[in-house]
Amino acid sequence: SRVTVVLMDQQDSYSFVEVRGTVVETIRGPDAAQSIEDLS
């Protein structure tokens, strides 16, 4: 469950945050389907 996420400002690629973290929960079903719609 260990992951790294790099978040970059698309206007300035030198402006970023690297996150070292852990996936602590996974959620399936209607909430996950709604989540991808919201992200889209």
ModelCIF file with pLDDT and N, C-alpha, C, O atoms, coordinates in Angstrom:
data_MODEL
#
_entry.id   MODEL 
#
_entity.id                         1 
_entity.type                       polymer 
_entity.pdbx_number_of_molecules   1 
#
_entity_poly.entity_id                      1 
_entity_poly.type                           'polypeptide(L)' 
_entity_poly.nstd_linkage                   no 
_entity_poly.nstd_monomer                   no 
_entity_poly.pdbx_seq_one_letter_code       SRVTVVLMDQQDSYSFVEVRGTVVETIRGPDAAQSIEDLS 
_entity_poly.pdbx_seq_one_letter_code_can   SRVTVVLMDQQDSYSFVEVRGTVVETIRGPDAAQSIEDLS 
_entity_poly.pdbx_strand_id                 A 
#
loop_
_entity_poly_seq.entity_id 
_entity_poly_seq.num 
_entity_poly_seq.mon_id 
_entity_poly_seq.hetero 
1 1  SER n 
1 2  ARG n 
1 3  VAL n 
1 4  THR n 
1 5  VAL n 
1 6  VAL n 
1 7  LEU n 
1 8  MET n 
1 9  ASP n 
1 10 GLN n 
1 11 GLN n 
1 12 ASP n 
1 13 SER n 
1 14 TYR n 
1 15 SER n 
1 16 PHE n 
1 17 VAL n 
1 18 GLU n 
1 19 VAL n 
1 20 ARG n 
1 21 GLY n 
1 22 THR n 
1 23 VAL n 
1 24 VAL n 
1 25 GLU n 
1 26 THR n 
1 27 ILE n 
1 28 ARG n 
1 29 GLY n 
1 30 PRO n 
1 31 ASP n 
1 32 ALA n 
1 33 ALA n 
1 34 GLN n 
1 35 SER n 
1 36 ILE n 
1 37 GLU n 
1 38 ASP n 
1 39 LEU n 
1 40 SER n 
#
_struct_asym.id          A 
_struct_asym.entity_id   1 
#
loop_
_ma_qa_metric.id 
_ma_qa_metric.mode 
_ma_qa_metric.name 
_ma_qa_metric.software_group_id 
_ma_qa_metric.type 
1 global pLDDT . pLDDT 
2 local  pLDDT . pLDDT 
#
_ma_qa_metric_global.metric_id      1 
_ma_qa_metric_global.metric_value   95.53 
_ma_qa_metric_global.model_id       1 
_ma_qa_metric_global.ordinal_id     1 
#
loop_
_ma_qa_metric_local.label_asym_id 
_ma_qa_metric_local.label_comp_id 
_ma_qa_metric_local.label_seq_id 
_ma_qa_metric_local.metric_id 
_ma_qa_metric_local.metric_value 
_ma_qa_metric_local.model_id 
_ma_qa_metric_local.ordinal_id 
A SER 1  2 98.00 1 1  
A ARG 2  2 98.00 1 2  
A VAL 3  2 98.00 1 3  
A THR 4  2 98.00 1 4  
A VAL 5  2 98.00 1 5  
A VAL 6  2 97.00 1 6  
A LEU 7  2 97.00 1 7  
A MET 8  2 94.00 1 8  
A ASP 9  2 93.00 1 9  
A GLN 10 2 88.00 1 10 
A GLN 11 2 90.00 1 11 
A ASP 12 2 90.00 1 12 
A SER 13 2 78.00 1 13 
A TYR 14 2 87.00 1 14 
A SER 15 2 92.00 1 15 
A PHE 16 2 94.00 1 16 
A VAL 17 2 96.00 1 17 
A GLU 18 2 97.00 1 18 
A VAL 19 2 97.00 1 19 
A ARG 20 2 98.00 1 20 
A GLY 21 2 98.00 1 21 
A THR 22 2 98.00 1 22 
A VAL 23 2 98.00 1 23 
A VAL 24 2 98.00 1 24 
A GLU 25 2 98.00 1 25 
A THR 26 2 98.00 1 26 
A ILE 27 2 98.00 1 27 
A ARG 28 2 97.00 1 28 
A GLY 29 2 96.00 1 29 
A PRO 30 2 97.00 1 30 
A ASP 31 2 97.00 1 31 
A ALA 32 2 97.00 1 32 
A ALA 33 2 96.00 1 33 
A GLN 34 2 96.00 1 34 
A SER 35 2 97.00 1 35 
A ILE 36 2 97.00 1 36 
A GLU 37 2 96.00 1 37 
A ASP 38 2 97.00 1 38 
A LEU 39 2 97.00 1 39 
A SER 40 2 97.00 1 40 
#
loop_
_atom_site.group_PDB 
_atom_site.id 
_atom_site.type_symbol 
_atom_site.label_atom_id 
_atom_site.label_alt_id 
_atom_site.label_comp_id 
_atom_site.label_asym_id 
_atom_site.label_entity_id 
_atom_site.label_seq_id 
_atom_site.pdbx_PDB_ins_code 
_atom_site.Cartn_x 
_atom_site.Cartn_y 
_atom_site.Cartn_z 
_atom_site.occupancy 
_atom_site.B_iso_or_equiv 
_atom_site.pdbx_formal_charge 
_atom_site.auth_seq_id 
_atom_site.auth_comp_id 
_atom_site.auth_asym_id 
_atom_site.auth_atom_id 
_atom_site.pdbx_PDB_model_num 
ATOM 1   N N  . SER A 1 1  ? 0.799   -1.232 0.000   1.00 98.00 ? 1  SER A N  1 
ATOM 2   C CA . SER A 1 1  ? 0.000   0.000  0.000   1.00 98.00 ? 1  SER A CA 1 
ATOM 3   C C  . SER A 1 1  ? 0.830   1.279  0.000   1.00 98.00 ? 1  SER A C  1 
ATOM 4   O O  . SER A 1 1  ? 0.264   2.372  -0.016  1.00 98.00 ? 1  SER A O  1 
ATOM 5   N N  . ARG A 1 2  ? 2.151   1.171  0.017   1.00 98.00 ? 2  ARG A N  1 
ATOM 6   C CA . ARG A 1 2  ? 3.001   2.363  -0.016  1.00 98.00 ? 2  ARG A CA 1 
ATOM 7   C C  . ARG A 1 2  ? 3.015   2.956  -1.426  1.00 98.00 ? 2  ARG A C  1 
ATOM 8   O O  . ARG A 1 2  ? 3.172   2.241  -2.416  1.00 98.00 ? 2  ARG A O  1 
ATOM 9   N N  . VAL A 1 3  ? 2.848   4.275  -1.493  1.00 98.00 ? 3  VAL A N  1 
ATOM 10  C CA . VAL A 1 3  ? 2.837   4.969  -2.782  1.00 98.00 ? 3  VAL A CA 1 
ATOM 11  C C  . VAL A 1 3  ? 3.586   6.292  -2.654  1.00 98.00 ? 3  VAL A C  1 
ATOM 12  O O  . VAL A 1 3  ? 3.818   6.797  -1.556  1.00 98.00 ? 3  VAL A O  1 
ATOM 13  N N  . THR A 1 4  ? 3.953   6.832  -3.804  1.00 98.00 ? 4  THR A N  1 
ATOM 14  C CA . THR A 1 4  ? 4.454   8.200  -3.890  1.00 98.00 ? 4  THR A CA 1 
ATOM 15  C C  . THR A 1 4  ? 3.570   8.921  -4.895  1.00 98.00 ? 4  THR A C  1 
ATOM 16  O O  . THR A 1 4  ? 3.238   8.384  -5.952  1.00 98.00 ? 4  THR A O  1 
ATOM 17  N N  . VAL A 1 5  ? 3.192   10.153 -4.544  1.00 98.00 ? 5  VAL A N  1 
ATOM 18  C CA . VAL A 1 5  ? 2.397   10.992 -5.433  1.00 98.00 ? 5  VAL A CA 1 
ATOM 19  C C  . VAL A 1 5  ? 3.154   12.305 -5.616  1.00 98.00 ? 5  VAL A C  1 
ATOM 20  O O  . VAL A 1 5  ? 3.530   12.956 -4.641  1.00 98.00 ? 5  VAL A O  1 
ATOM 21  N N  . VAL A 1 6  ? 3.370   12.684 -6.859  1.00 97.00 ? 6  VAL A N  1 
ATOM 22  C CA . VAL A 1 6  ? 3.979   13.982 -7.155  1.00 97.00 ? 6  VAL A CA 1 
ATOM 23  C C  . VAL A 1 6  ? 2.897   14.862 -7.763  1.00 97.00 ? 6  VAL A C  1 
ATOM 24  O O  . VAL A 1 6  ? 2.333   14.550 -8.811  1.00 97.00 ? 6  VAL A O  1 
ATOM 25  N N  . LEU A 1 7  ? 2.623   15.962 -7.085  1.00 97.00 ? 7  LEU A N  1 
ATOM 26  C CA . LEU A 1 7  ? 1.660   16.955 -7.546  1.00 97.00 ? 7  LEU A CA 1 
ATOM 27  C C  . LEU A 1 7  ? 2.445   18.126 -8.108  1.00 97.00 ? 7  LEU A C  1 
ATOM 28  O O  . LEU A 1 7  ? 3.267   18.716 -7.406  1.00 97.00 ? 7  LEU A O  1 
ATOM 29  N N  . MET A 1 8  ? 2.199   18.472 -9.379  1.00 94.00 ? 8  MET A N  1 
ATOM 30  C CA . MET A 1 8  ? 2.940   19.560 -10.027 1.00 94.00 ? 8  MET A CA 1 
ATOM 31  C C  . MET A 1 8  ? 1.985   20.638 -10.487 1.00 94.00 ? 8  MET A C  1 
ATOM 32  O O  . MET A 1 8  ? 0.882   20.357 -10.956 1.00 94.00 ? 8  MET A O  1 
ATOM 33  N N  . ASP A 1 9  ? 2.418   21.856 -10.349 1.00 93.00 ? 9  ASP A N  1 
ATOM 34  C CA . ASP A 1 9  ? 1.696   22.991 -10.900 1.00 93.00 ? 9  ASP A CA 1 
ATOM 35  C C  . ASP A 1 9  ? 1.963   22.987 -12.402 1.00 93.00 ? 9  ASP A C  1 
ATOM 36  O O  . ASP A 1 9  ? 3.114   23.113 -12.820 1.00 93.00 ? 9  ASP A O  1 
ATOM 37  N N  . GLN A 1 10 ? 0.938   22.848 -13.208 1.00 88.00 ? 10 GLN A N  1 
ATOM 38  C CA . GLN A 1 10 ? 1.131   22.752 -14.659 1.00 88.00 ? 10 GLN A CA 1 
ATOM 39  C C  . GLN A 1 10 ? 1.646   24.046 -15.271 1.00 88.00 ? 10 GLN A C  1 
ATOM 40  O O  . GLN A 1 10 ? 2.157   24.037 -16.392 1.00 88.00 ? 10 GLN A O  1 
ATOM 41  N N  . GLN A 1 11 ? 1.521   25.153 -14.558 1.00 90.00 ? 11 GLN A N  1 
ATOM 42  C CA . GLN A 1 11 ? 2.034   26.424 -15.055 1.00 90.00 ? 11 GLN A CA 1 
ATOM 43  C C  . GLN A 1 11 ? 3.513   26.605 -14.707 1.00 90.00 ? 11 GLN A C  1 
ATOM 44  O O  . GLN A 1 11 ? 4.206   27.408 -15.333 1.00 90.00 ? 11 GLN A O  1 
ATOM 45  N N  . ASP A 1 12 ? 3.996   25.860 -13.709 1.00 90.00 ? 12 ASP A N  1 
ATOM 46  C CA . ASP A 1 12 ? 5.383   25.972 -13.244 1.00 90.00 ? 12 ASP A CA 1 
ATOM 47  C C  . ASP A 1 12 ? 5.829   24.610 -12.725 1.00 90.00 ? 12 ASP A C  1 
ATOM 48  O O  . ASP A 1 12 ? 5.605   24.285 -11.559 1.00 90.00 ? 12 ASP A O  1 
ATOM 49  N N  . SER A 1 13 ? 6.457   23.813 -13.585 1.00 78.00 ? 13 SER A N  1 
ATOM 50  C CA . SER A 1 13 ? 6.810   22.440 -13.219 1.00 78.00 ? 13 SER A CA 1 
ATOM 51  C C  . SER A 1 13 ? 7.841   22.357 -12.097 1.00 78.00 ? 13 SER A C  1 
ATOM 52  O O  . SER A 1 13 ? 8.067   21.277 -11.552 1.00 78.00 ? 13 SER A O  1 
ATOM 53  N N  . TYR A 1 14 ? 8.462   23.464 -11.748 1.00 87.00 ? 14 TYR A N  1 
ATOM 54  C CA . TYR A 1 14 ? 9.379   23.472 -10.612 1.00 87.00 ? 14 TYR A CA 1 
ATOM 55  C C  . TYR A 1 14 ? 8.640   23.719 -9.303  1.00 87.00 ? 14 TYR A C  1 
ATOM 56  O O  . TYR A 1 14 ? 9.242   23.678 -8.230  1.00 87.00 ? 14 TYR A O  1 
ATOM 57  N N  . SER A 1 15 ? 7.354   23.972 -9.386  1.00 92.00 ? 15 SER A N  1 
ATOM 58  C CA . SER A 1 15 ? 6.506   24.129 -8.213  1.00 92.00 ? 15 SER A CA 1 
ATOM 59  C C  . SER A 1 15 ? 5.745   22.817 -8.029  1.00 92.00 ? 15 SER A C  1 
ATOM 60  O O  . SER A 1 15 ? 4.833   22.503 -8.795  1.00 92.00 ? 15 SER A O  1 
ATOM 61  N N  . PHE A 1 16 ? 6.129   22.061 -7.011  1.00 94.00 ? 16 PHE A N  1 
ATOM 62  C CA . PHE A 1 16 ? 5.581   20.715 -6.847  1.00 94.00 ? 16 PHE A CA 1 
ATOM 63  C C  . PHE A 1 16 ? 5.601   20.318 -5.368  1.00 94.00 ? 16 PHE A C  1 
ATOM 64  O O  . PHE A 1 16 ? 6.233   20.970 -4.536  1.00 94.00 ? 16 PHE A O  1 
ATOM 65  N N  . VAL A 1 17 ? 4.894   19.236 -5.074  1.00 96.00 ? 17 VAL A N  1 
ATOM 66  C CA . VAL A 1 17 ? 4.988   18.578 -3.776  1.00 96.00 ? 17 VAL A CA 1 
ATOM 67  C C  . VAL A 1 17 ? 5.100   17.087 -4.039  1.00 96.00 ? 17 VAL A C  1 
ATOM 68  O O  . VAL A 1 17 ? 4.305   16.519 -4.788  1.00 96.00 ? 17 VAL A O  1 
ATOM 69  N N  . GLU A 1 18 ? 6.090   16.454 -3.422  1.00 97.00 ? 18 GLU A N  1 
ATOM 70  C CA . GLU A 1 18 ? 6.192   14.995 -3.453  1.00 97.00 ? 18 GLU A CA 1 
ATOM 71  C C  . GLU A 1 18 ? 5.632   14.485 -2.139  1.00 97.00 ? 18 GLU A C  1 
ATOM 72  O O  . GLU A 1 18 ? 6.021   14.937 -1.062  1.00 97.00 ? 18 GLU A O  1 
ATOM 73  N N  . VAL A 1 19 ? 4.717   13.540 -2.244  1.00 97.00 ? 19 VAL A N  1 
ATOM 74  C CA . VAL A 1 19 ? 4.083   12.938 -1.081  1.00 97.00 ? 19 VAL A CA 1 
ATOM 75  C C  . VAL A 1 19 ? 4.460   11.472 -1.028  1.00 97.00 ? 19 VAL A C  1 
ATOM 76  O O  . VAL A 1 19 ? 4.282   10.743 -2.004  1.00 97.00 ? 19 VAL A O  1 
ATOM 77  N N  . ARG A 1 20 ? 4.972   11.047 0.090   1.00 98.00 ? 20 ARG A N  1 
ATOM 78  C CA . ARG A 1 20 ? 5.157   9.620  0.341   1.00 98.00 ? 20 ARG A CA 1 
ATOM 79  C C  . ARG A 1 20 ? 4.048   9.221  1.290   1.00 98.00 ? 20 ARG A C  1 
ATOM 80  O O  . ARG A 1 20 ? 3.887   9.804  2.362   1.00 98.00 ? 20 ARG A O  1 
ATOM 81  N N  . GLY A 1 21 ? 3.288   8.226  0.884   1.00 98.00 ? 21 GLY A N  1 
ATOM 82  C CA . GLY A 1 21 ? 2.106   7.904  1.670   1.00 98.00 ? 21 GLY A CA 1 
ATOM 83  C C  . GLY A 1 21 ? 1.701   6.460  1.585   1.00 98.00 ? 21 GLY A C  1 
ATOM 84  O O  . GLY A 1 21 ? 2.415   5.609  1.056   1.00 98.00 ? 21 GLY A O  1 
ATOM 85  N N  . THR A 1 22 ? 0.524   6.213  2.126   1.00 98.00 ? 22 THR A N  1 
ATOM 86  C CA . THR A 1 22 ? -0.029  4.872  2.213   1.00 98.00 ? 22 THR A CA 1 
ATOM 87  C C  . THR A 1 22 ? -1.497  4.915  1.803   1.00 98.00 ? 22 THR A C  1 
ATOM 88  O O  . THR A 1 22 ? -2.242  5.792  2.240   1.00 98.00 ? 22 THR A O  1 
ATOM 89  N N  . VAL A 1 23 ? -1.909  3.971  0.968   1.00 98.00 ? 23 VAL A N  1 
ATOM 90  C CA . VAL A 1 23 ? -3.331  3.844  0.647   1.00 98.00 ? 23 VAL A CA 1 
ATOM 91  C C  . VAL A 1 23 ? -3.986  3.199  1.869   1.00 98.00 ? 23 VAL A C  1 
ATOM 92  O O  . VAL A 1 23 ? -3.752  2.029  2.170   1.00 98.00 ? 23 VAL A O  1 
ATOM 93  N N  . VAL A 1 24 ? -4.804  3.978  2.562   1.00 98.00 ? 24 VAL A N  1 
ATOM 94  C CA . VAL A 1 24 ? -5.396  3.512  3.819   1.00 98.00 ? 24 VAL A CA 1 
ATOM 95  C C  . VAL A 1 24 ? -6.813  3.000  3.652   1.00 98.00 ? 24 VAL A C  1 
ATOM 96  O O  . VAL A 1 24 ? -7.360  2.357  4.547   1.00 98.00 ? 24 VAL A O  1 
ATOM 97  N N  . GLU A 1 25 ? -7.409  3.290  2.494   1.00 98.00 ? 25 GLU A N  1 
ATOM 98  C CA . GLU A 1 25 ? -8.774  2.808  2.255   1.00 98.00 ? 25 GLU A CA 1 
ATOM 99  C C  . GLU A 1 25 ? -9.022  2.764  0.760   1.00 98.00 ? 25 GLU A C  1 
ATOM 100 O O  . GLU A 1 25 ? -8.539  3.613  0.010   1.00 98.00 ? 25 GLU A O  1 
ATOM 101 N N  . THR A 1 26 ? -9.779  1.766  0.337   1.00 98.00 ? 26 THR A N  1 
ATOM 102 C CA . THR A 1 26 ? -10.273 1.701  -1.035  1.00 98.00 ? 26 THR A CA 1 
ATOM 103 C C  . THR A 1 26 ? -11.792 1.617  -0.955  1.00 98.00 ? 26 THR A C  1 
ATOM 104 O O  . THR A 1 26 ? -12.347 0.948  -0.083  1.00 98.00 ? 26 THR A O  1 
ATOM 105 N N  . ILE A 1 27 ? -12.445 2.301  -1.871  1.00 98.00 ? 27 ILE A N  1 
ATOM 106 C CA . ILE A 1 27 ? -13.907 2.356  -1.874  1.00 98.00 ? 27 ILE A CA 1 
ATOM 107 C C  . ILE A 1 27 ? -14.390 2.013  -3.274  1.00 98.00 ? 27 ILE A C  1 
ATOM 108 O O  . ILE A 1 27 ? -13.975 2.631  -4.254  1.00 98.00 ? 27 ILE A O  1 
ATOM 109 N N  . ARG A 1 28 ? -15.268 1.023  -3.359  1.00 97.00 ? 28 ARG A N  1 
ATOM 110 C CA . ARG A 1 28 ? -15.839 0.603  -4.638  1.00 97.00 ? 28 ARG A CA 1 
ATOM 111 C C  . ARG A 1 28 ? -17.309 0.986  -4.698  1.00 97.00 ? 28 ARG A C  1 
ATOM 112 O O  . ARG A 1 28 ? -17.830 1.635  -3.790  1.00 97.00 ? 28 ARG A O  1 
ATOM 113 N N  . GLY A 1 29 ? -17.964 0.585  -5.763  1.00 96.00 ? 29 GLY A N  1 
ATOM 114 C CA . GLY A 1 29 ? -19.403 0.787  -5.863  1.00 96.00 ? 29 GLY A CA 1 
ATOM 115 C C  . GLY A 1 29 ? -19.797 2.164  -6.361  1.00 96.00 ? 29 GLY A C  1 
ATOM 116 O O  . GLY A 1 29 ? -19.029 2.825  -7.060  1.00 96.00 ? 29 GLY A O  1 
ATOM 117 N N  . PRO A 1 30 ? -21.023 2.604  -5.990  1.00 97.00 ? 30 PRO A N  1 
ATOM 118 C CA . PRO A 1 30 ? -21.558 3.873  -6.495  1.00 97.00 ? 30 PRO A CA 1 
ATOM 119 C C  . PRO A 1 30 ? -20.683 5.080  -6.163  1.00 97.00 ? 30 PRO A C  1 
ATOM 120 O O  . PRO A 1 30 ? -20.575 6.002  -6.972  1.00 97.00 ? 30 PRO A O  1 
ATOM 121 N N  . ASP A 1 31 ? -20.057 5.088  -4.986  1.00 97.00 ? 31 ASP A N  1 
ATOM 122 C CA . ASP A 1 31 ? -19.193 6.220  -4.623  1.00 97.00 ? 31 ASP A CA 1 
ATOM 123 C C  . ASP A 1 31 ? -18.004 6.332  -5.574  1.00 97.00 ? 31 ASP A C  1 
ATOM 124 O O  . ASP A 1 31 ? -17.617 7.436  -5.956  1.00 97.00 ? 31 ASP A O  1 
ATOM 125 N N  . ALA A 1 32 ? -17.423 5.191  -5.958  1.00 97.00 ? 32 ALA A N  1 
ATOM 126 C CA . ALA A 1 32 ? -16.286 5.193  -6.885  1.00 97.00 ? 32 ALA A CA 1 
ATOM 127 C C  . ALA A 1 32 ? -16.729 5.624  -8.281  1.00 97.00 ? 32 ALA A C  1 
ATOM 128 O O  . ALA A 1 32 ? -16.010 6.348  -8.969  1.00 97.00 ? 32 ALA A O  1 
ATOM 129 N N  . ALA A 1 33 ? -17.913 5.176  -8.695  1.00 96.00 ? 33 ALA A N  1 
ATOM 130 C CA . ALA A 1 33 ? -18.436 5.585  -10.004 1.00 96.00 ? 33 ALA A CA 1 
ATOM 131 C C  . ALA A 1 33 ? -18.687 7.092  -10.030 1.00 96.00 ? 33 ALA A C  1 
ATOM 132 O O  . ALA A 1 33 ? -18.386 7.753  -11.024 1.00 96.00 ? 33 ALA A O  1 
ATOM 133 N N  . GLN A 1 34 ? -19.237 7.638  -8.945  1.00 96.00 ? 34 GLN A N  1 
ATOM 134 C CA . GLN A 1 34 ? -19.481 9.080  -8.874  1.00 96.00 ? 34 GLN A CA 1 
ATOM 135 C C  . GLN A 1 34 ? -18.168 9.850  -8.837  1.00 96.00 ? 34 GLN A C  1 
ATOM 136 O O  . GLN A 1 34 ? -18.058 10.924 -9.429  1.00 96.00 ? 34 GLN A O  1 
ATOM 137 N N  . SER A 1 35 ? -17.173 9.306  -8.144  1.00 97.00 ? 35 SER A N  1 
ATOM 138 C CA . SER A 1 35 ? -15.866 9.958  -8.036  1.00 97.00 ? 35 SER A CA 1 
ATOM 139 C C  . SER A 1 35 ? -15.225 10.166 -9.405  1.00 97.00 ? 35 SER A C  1 
ATOM 140 O O  . SER A 1 35 ? -14.689 11.240 -9.675  1.00 97.00 ? 35 SER A O  1 
ATOM 141 N N  . ILE A 1 36 ? -15.271 9.149  -10.279 1.00 97.00 ? 36 ILE A N  1 
ATOM 142 C CA . ILE A 1 36 ? -14.649 9.311  -11.595 1.00 97.00 ? 36 ILE A CA 1 
ATOM 143 C C  . ILE A 1 36 ? -15.433 10.319 -12.433 1.00 97.00 ? 36 ILE A C  1 
ATOM 144 O O  . ILE A 1 36 ? -14.849 11.028 -13.252 1.00 97.00 ? 36 ILE A O  1 
ATOM 145 N N  . GLU A 1 37 ? -16.738 10.386 -12.239 1.00 96.00 ? 37 GLU A N  1 
ATOM 146 C CA . GLU A 1 37 ? -17.535 11.401 -12.936 1.00 96.00 ? 37 GLU A CA 1 
ATOM 147 C C  . GLU A 1 37 ? -17.134 12.802 -12.472 1.00 96.00 ? 37 GLU A C  1 
ATOM 148 O O  . GLU A 1 37 ? -16.941 13.702 -13.290 1.00 96.00 ? 37 GLU A O  1 
ATOM 149 N N  . ASP A 1 38 ? -17.010 12.978 -11.154 1.00 97.00 ? 38 ASP A N  1 
ATOM 150 C CA . ASP A 1 38 ? -16.601 14.277 -10.609 1.00 97.00 ? 38 ASP A CA 1 
ATOM 151 C C  . ASP A 1 38 ? -15.222 14.682 -11.129 1.00 97.00 ? 38 ASP A C  1 
ATOM 152 O O  . ASP A 1 38 ? -15.005 15.832 -11.509 1.00 97.00 ? 38 ASP A O  1 
ATOM 153 N N  . LEU A 1 39 ? -14.291 13.721 -11.140 1.00 97.00 ? 39 LEU A N  1 
ATOM 154 C CA . LEU A 1 39 ? -12.949 14.012 -11.643 1.00 97.00 ? 39 LEU A CA 1 
ATOM 155 C C  . LEU A 1 39 ? -12.977 14.367 -13.123 1.00 97.00 ? 39 LEU A C  1 
ATOM 156 O O  . LEU A 1 39 ? -12.264 15.271 -13.559 1.00 97.00 ? 39 LEU A O  1 
ATOM 157 N N  . SER A 1 40 ? -13.798 13.663 -13.897 1.00 97.00 ? 40 SER A N  1 
ATOM 158 C CA . SER A 1 40 ? -13.887 13.944 -15.328 1.00 97.00 ? 40 SER A CA 1 
ATOM 159 C C  . SER A 1 40 ? -14.401 15.363 -15.576 1.00 97.00 ? 40 SER A C  1 
ATOM 160 O O  . SER A 1 40 ? -14.542 15.777 -16.727 1.00 97.00 ? 40 SER A O  1 
#
